[in-house]
Amino acid sequence: MANPLPGEKEIYEKIKKENIKIHPLVWQLIDHHINNDLYMINLILGSTILDGEILSEENANKILSHSKEIAAFLEDLGKATRRD
Protein backbone atom coordinates (compact mmCIF):
# COMPACT_ATOMS: atom_id res chain seq x y z
CA MET A 1 0.00 0.00 0.00
CA ALA A 2 1.48 3.31 -1.06
CA ASN A 3 0.20 5.49 1.75
CA PRO A 4 -1.00 3.57 4.80
CA LEU A 5 -3.37 5.22 7.21
CA PRO A 6 -1.75 6.24 10.50
CA GLY A 7 -2.55 3.49 12.99
CA GLU A 8 -3.75 1.17 10.21
CA LYS A 9 -2.22 -1.90 11.83
CA GLU A 10 -4.11 -1.15 15.03
CA ILE A 11 -7.34 -0.66 13.08
CA TYR A 12 -6.99 -4.12 11.53
CA GLU A 13 -6.25 -5.58 14.96
CA LYS A 14 -9.38 -3.93 16.41
CA ILE A 15 -11.51 -5.21 13.50
CA LYS A 16 -10.28 -8.75 14.14
CA LYS A 17 -10.58 -8.49 17.94
CA GLU A 18 -14.12 -7.08 17.81
CA ASN A 19 -15.11 -9.43 14.97
CA ILE A 20 -16.40 -6.53 12.86
CA LYS A 21 -18.02 -7.84 9.68
CA ILE A 22 -19.17 -6.23 6.45
CA HIS A 23 -22.52 -7.34 5.07
CA PRO A 24 -22.27 -9.63 2.01
CA LEU A 25 -24.28 -7.15 -0.10
CA VAL A 26 -21.72 -4.46 0.59
CA TRP A 27 -18.93 -6.85 -0.42
CA GLN A 28 -20.84 -7.67 -3.59
CA LEU A 29 -20.93 -3.98 -4.53
CA ILE A 30 -17.25 -3.47 -3.67
CA ASP A 31 -16.16 -6.54 -5.62
CA HIS A 32 -18.19 -5.57 -8.66
CA HIS A 33 -17.45 -1.87 -8.96
CA ILE A 34 -13.89 -1.59 -7.74
CA ASN A 35 -12.66 -4.80 -9.34
CA ASN A 36 -14.21 -3.89 -12.71
CA ASP A 37 -12.57 -0.47 -12.76
CA LEU A 38 -9.22 -1.83 -11.56
CA TYR A 39 -9.39 -4.54 -14.20
CA MET A 40 -9.88 -1.92 -16.91
CA ILE A 41 -7.03 0.23 -15.58
CA ASN A 42 -4.74 -2.80 -15.51
CA LEU A 43 -5.84 -3.82 -19.00
CA ILE A 44 -5.07 -0.37 -20.42
CA LEU A 45 -1.70 -0.09 -18.68
CA GLY A 46 -0.75 -3.70 -19.32
CA SER A 47 -1.45 -3.56 -23.04
CA THR A 48 0.43 -0.26 -23.33
CA ILE A 49 3.50 -1.58 -21.50
CA LEU A 50 3.49 -4.96 -23.28
CA ASP A 51 3.26 -3.22 -26.64
CA GLY A 52 6.21 -1.00 -25.64
CA GLU A 53 4.16 2.13 -26.22
CA ILE A 54 3.85 5.40 -24.39
CA LEU A 55 0.54 5.97 -22.66
CA SER A 56 -1.66 7.91 -25.07
CA GLU A 57 -3.78 10.84 -24.01
CA GLU A 58 -6.88 8.80 -24.83
CA ASN A 59 -5.81 5.92 -22.59
CA ALA A 60 -4.71 8.30 -19.83
CA ASN A 61 -8.20 9.83 -19.91
CA LYS A 62 -9.74 6.36 -19.75
CA ILE A 63 -7.66 5.58 -16.66
CA LEU A 64 -8.68 8.87 -15.06
CA SER A 65 -12.31 8.07 -15.83
CA HIS A 66 -12.07 4.67 -14.13
CA SER A 67 -10.29 6.25 -11.15
CA LYS A 68 -13.11 8.78 -10.84
CA GLU A 69 -15.65 5.94 -11.03
CA ILE A 70 -13.95 4.27 -8.06
CA ALA A 71 -14.03 7.51 -6.08
CA ALA A 72 -17.69 8.12 -6.94
CA PHE A 73 -18.63 4.57 -5.97
CA LEU A 74 -16.85 4.90 -2.62
CA GLU A 75 -18.62 8.21 -2.00
CA ASP A 76 -22.02 6.66 -2.77
CA LEU A 77 -21.25 3.64 -0.62
CA GLY A 78 -20.13 5.89 2.22
CA LYS A 79 -23.34 7.94 2.03
CA ALA A 80 -25.41 4.75 2.18
CA THR A 81 -23.50 3.05 5.01
CA ARG A 82 -21.79 5.55 7.32
CA ARG A 83 -23.13 6.11 10.80
CA ASP A 84 -21.40 9.44 11.45
C-alpha atoms as a PDB file:
ATOM      1  CA  MET A   1       0.000   0.000   0.000  1.00  0.00           C
ATOM      2  CA  ALA A   2       1.484   3.310  -1.062  1.00  0.00           C
ATOM      3  CA  ASN A   3       0.204   5.491   1.750  1.00  0.00           C
ATOM      4  CA  PRO A   4      -1.000   3.569   4.800  1.00  0.00           C
ATOM      5  CA  LEU A   5      -3.372   5.217   7.209  1.00  0.00           C
ATOM      6  CA  PRO A   6      -1.746   6.244  10.500  1.00  0.00           C
ATOM      7  CA  GLY A   7      -2.551   3.493  12.985  1.00  0.00           C
ATOM      8  CA  GLU A   8      -3.751   1.174  10.211  1.00  0.00           C
ATOM      9  CA  LYS A   9      -2.219  -1.903  11.828  1.00  0.00           C
ATOM     10  CA  GLU A  10      -4.107  -1.146  15.028  1.00  0.00           C
ATOM     11  CA  ILE A  11      -7.339  -0.662  13.083  1.00  0.00           C
ATOM     12  CA  TYR A  12      -6.986  -4.121  11.527  1.00  0.00           C
ATOM     13  CA  GLU A  13      -6.250  -5.585  14.958  1.00  0.00           C
ATOM     14  CA  LYS A  14      -9.383  -3.935  16.405  1.00  0.00           C
ATOM     15  CA  ILE A  15     -11.512  -5.213  13.497  1.00  0.00           C
ATOM     16  CA  LYS A  16     -10.278  -8.751  14.144  1.00  0.00           C
ATOM     17  CA  LYS A  17     -10.578  -8.487  17.942  1.00  0.00           C
ATOM     18  CA  GLU A  18     -14.119  -7.082  17.812  1.00  0.00           C
ATOM     19  CA  ASN A  19     -15.114  -9.428  14.969  1.00  0.00           C
ATOM     20  CA  ILE A  20     -16.397  -6.530  12.857  1.00  0.00           C
ATOM     21  CA  LYS A  21     -18.020  -7.839   9.678  1.00  0.00           C
ATOM     22  CA  ILE A  22     -19.175  -6.234   6.447  1.00  0.00           C
ATOM     23  CA  HIS A  23     -22.523  -7.339   5.071  1.00  0.00           C
ATOM     24  CA  PRO A  24     -22.266  -9.626   2.009  1.00  0.00           C
ATOM     25  CA  LEU A  25     -24.285  -7.152  -0.104  1.00  0.00           C
ATOM     26  CA  VAL A  26     -21.723  -4.457   0.586  1.00  0.00           C
ATOM     27  CA  TRP A  27     -18.928  -6.855  -0.423  1.00  0.00           C
ATOM     28  CA  GLN A  28     -20.842  -7.673  -3.594  1.00  0.00           C
ATOM     29  CA  LEU A  29     -20.926  -3.976  -4.527  1.00  0.00           C
ATOM     30  CA  ILE A  30     -17.254  -3.471  -3.670  1.00  0.00           C
ATOM     31  CA  ASP A  31     -16.157  -6.536  -5.618  1.00  0.00           C
ATOM     32  CA  HIS A  32     -18.188  -5.572  -8.660  1.00  0.00           C
ATOM     33  CA  HIS A  33     -17.450  -1.867  -8.961  1.00  0.00           C
ATOM     34  CA  ILE A  34     -13.888  -1.594  -7.742  1.00  0.00           C
ATOM     35  CA  ASN A  35     -12.658  -4.804  -9.336  1.00  0.00           C
ATOM     36  CA  ASN A  36     -14.207  -3.887 -12.707  1.00  0.00           C
ATOM     37  CA  ASP A  37     -12.567  -0.466 -12.765  1.00  0.00           C
ATOM     38  CA  LEU A  38      -9.223  -1.828 -11.557  1.00  0.00           C
ATOM     39  CA  TYR A  39      -9.391  -4.543 -14.204  1.00  0.00           C
ATOM     40  CA  MET A  40      -9.881  -1.919 -16.915  1.00  0.00           C
ATOM     41  CA  ILE A  41      -7.029   0.233 -15.581  1.00  0.00           C
ATOM     42  CA  ASN A  42      -4.737  -2.805 -15.513  1.00  0.00           C
ATOM     43  CA  LEU A  43      -5.837  -3.819 -18.996  1.00  0.00           C
ATOM     44  CA  ILE A  44      -5.068  -0.370 -20.424  1.00  0.00           C
ATOM     45  CA  LEU A  45      -1.696  -0.090 -18.681  1.00  0.00           C
ATOM     46  CA  GLY A  46      -0.747  -3.696 -19.322  1.00  0.00           C
ATOM     47  CA  SER A  47      -1.446  -3.559 -23.040  1.00  0.00           C
ATOM     48  CA  THR A  48       0.434  -0.264 -23.330  1.00  0.00           C
ATOM     49  CA  ILE A  49       3.496  -1.584 -21.501  1.00  0.00           C
ATOM     50  CA  LEU A  50       3.494  -4.964 -23.278  1.00  0.00           C
ATOM     51  CA  ASP A  51       3.265  -3.217 -26.637  1.00  0.00           C
ATOM     52  CA  GLY A  52       6.208  -1.002 -25.638  1.00  0.00           C
ATOM     53  CA  GLU A  53       4.162   2.128 -26.221  1.00  0.00           C
ATOM     54  CA  ILE A  54       3.854   5.399 -24.393  1.00  0.00           C
ATOM     55  CA  LEU A  55       0.537   5.967 -22.661  1.00  0.00           C
ATOM     56  CA  SER A  56      -1.656   7.907 -25.072  1.00  0.00           C
ATOM     57  CA  GLU A  57      -3.780  10.839 -24.006  1.00  0.00           C
ATOM     58  CA  GLU A  58      -6.878   8.803 -24.835  1.00  0.00           C
ATOM     59  CA  ASN A  59      -5.812   5.923 -22.592  1.00  0.00           C
ATOM     60  CA  ALA A  60      -4.712   8.301 -19.831  1.00  0.00           C
ATOM     61  CA  ASN A  61      -8.195   9.829 -19.911  1.00  0.00           C
ATOM     62  CA  LYS A  62      -9.744   6.355 -19.745  1.00  0.00           C
ATOM     63  CA  ILE A  63      -7.659   5.575 -16.662  1.00  0.00           C
ATOM     64  CA  LEU A  64      -8.684   8.866 -15.058  1.00  0.00           C
ATOM     65  CA  SER A  65     -12.307   8.073 -15.829  1.00  0.00           C
ATOM     66  CA  HIS A  66     -12.065   4.669 -14.130  1.00  0.00           C
ATOM     67  CA  SER A  67     -10.292   6.247 -11.150  1.00  0.00           C
ATOM     68  CA  LYS A  68     -13.112   8.783 -10.840  1.00  0.00           C
ATOM     69  CA  GLU A  69     -15.652   5.944 -11.034  1.00  0.00           C
ATOM     70  CA  ILE A  70     -13.954   4.267  -8.060  1.00  0.00           C
ATOM     71  CA  ALA A  71     -14.028   7.511  -6.077  1.00  0.00           C
ATOM     72  CA  ALA A  72     -17.692   8.123  -6.943  1.00  0.00           C
ATOM     73  CA  PHE A  73     -18.625   4.571  -5.971  1.00  0.00           C
ATOM     74  CA  LEU A  74     -16.853   4.899  -2.619  1.00  0.00           C
ATOM     75  CA  GLU A  75     -18.618   8.213  -1.998  1.00  0.00           C
ATOM     76  CA  ASP A  76     -22.019   6.665  -2.774  1.00  0.00           C
ATOM     77  CA  LEU A  77     -21.248   3.638  -0.615  1.00  0.00           C
ATOM     78  CA  GLY A  78     -20.134   5.888   2.219  1.00  0.00           C
ATOM     79  CA  LYS A  79     -23.343   7.937   2.031  1.00  0.00           C
ATOM     80  CA  ALA A  80     -25.409   4.751   2.177  1.00  0.00           C
ATOM     81  CA  THR A  81     -23.497   3.050   5.012  1.00  0.00           C
ATOM     82  CA  ARG A  82     -21.795   5.546   7.317  1.00  0.00           C
ATOM     83  CA  ARG A  83     -23.133   6.109  10.797  1.00  0.00           C
ATOM     84  CA  ASP A  84     -21.402   9.437  11.446  1.00  0.00           C
END
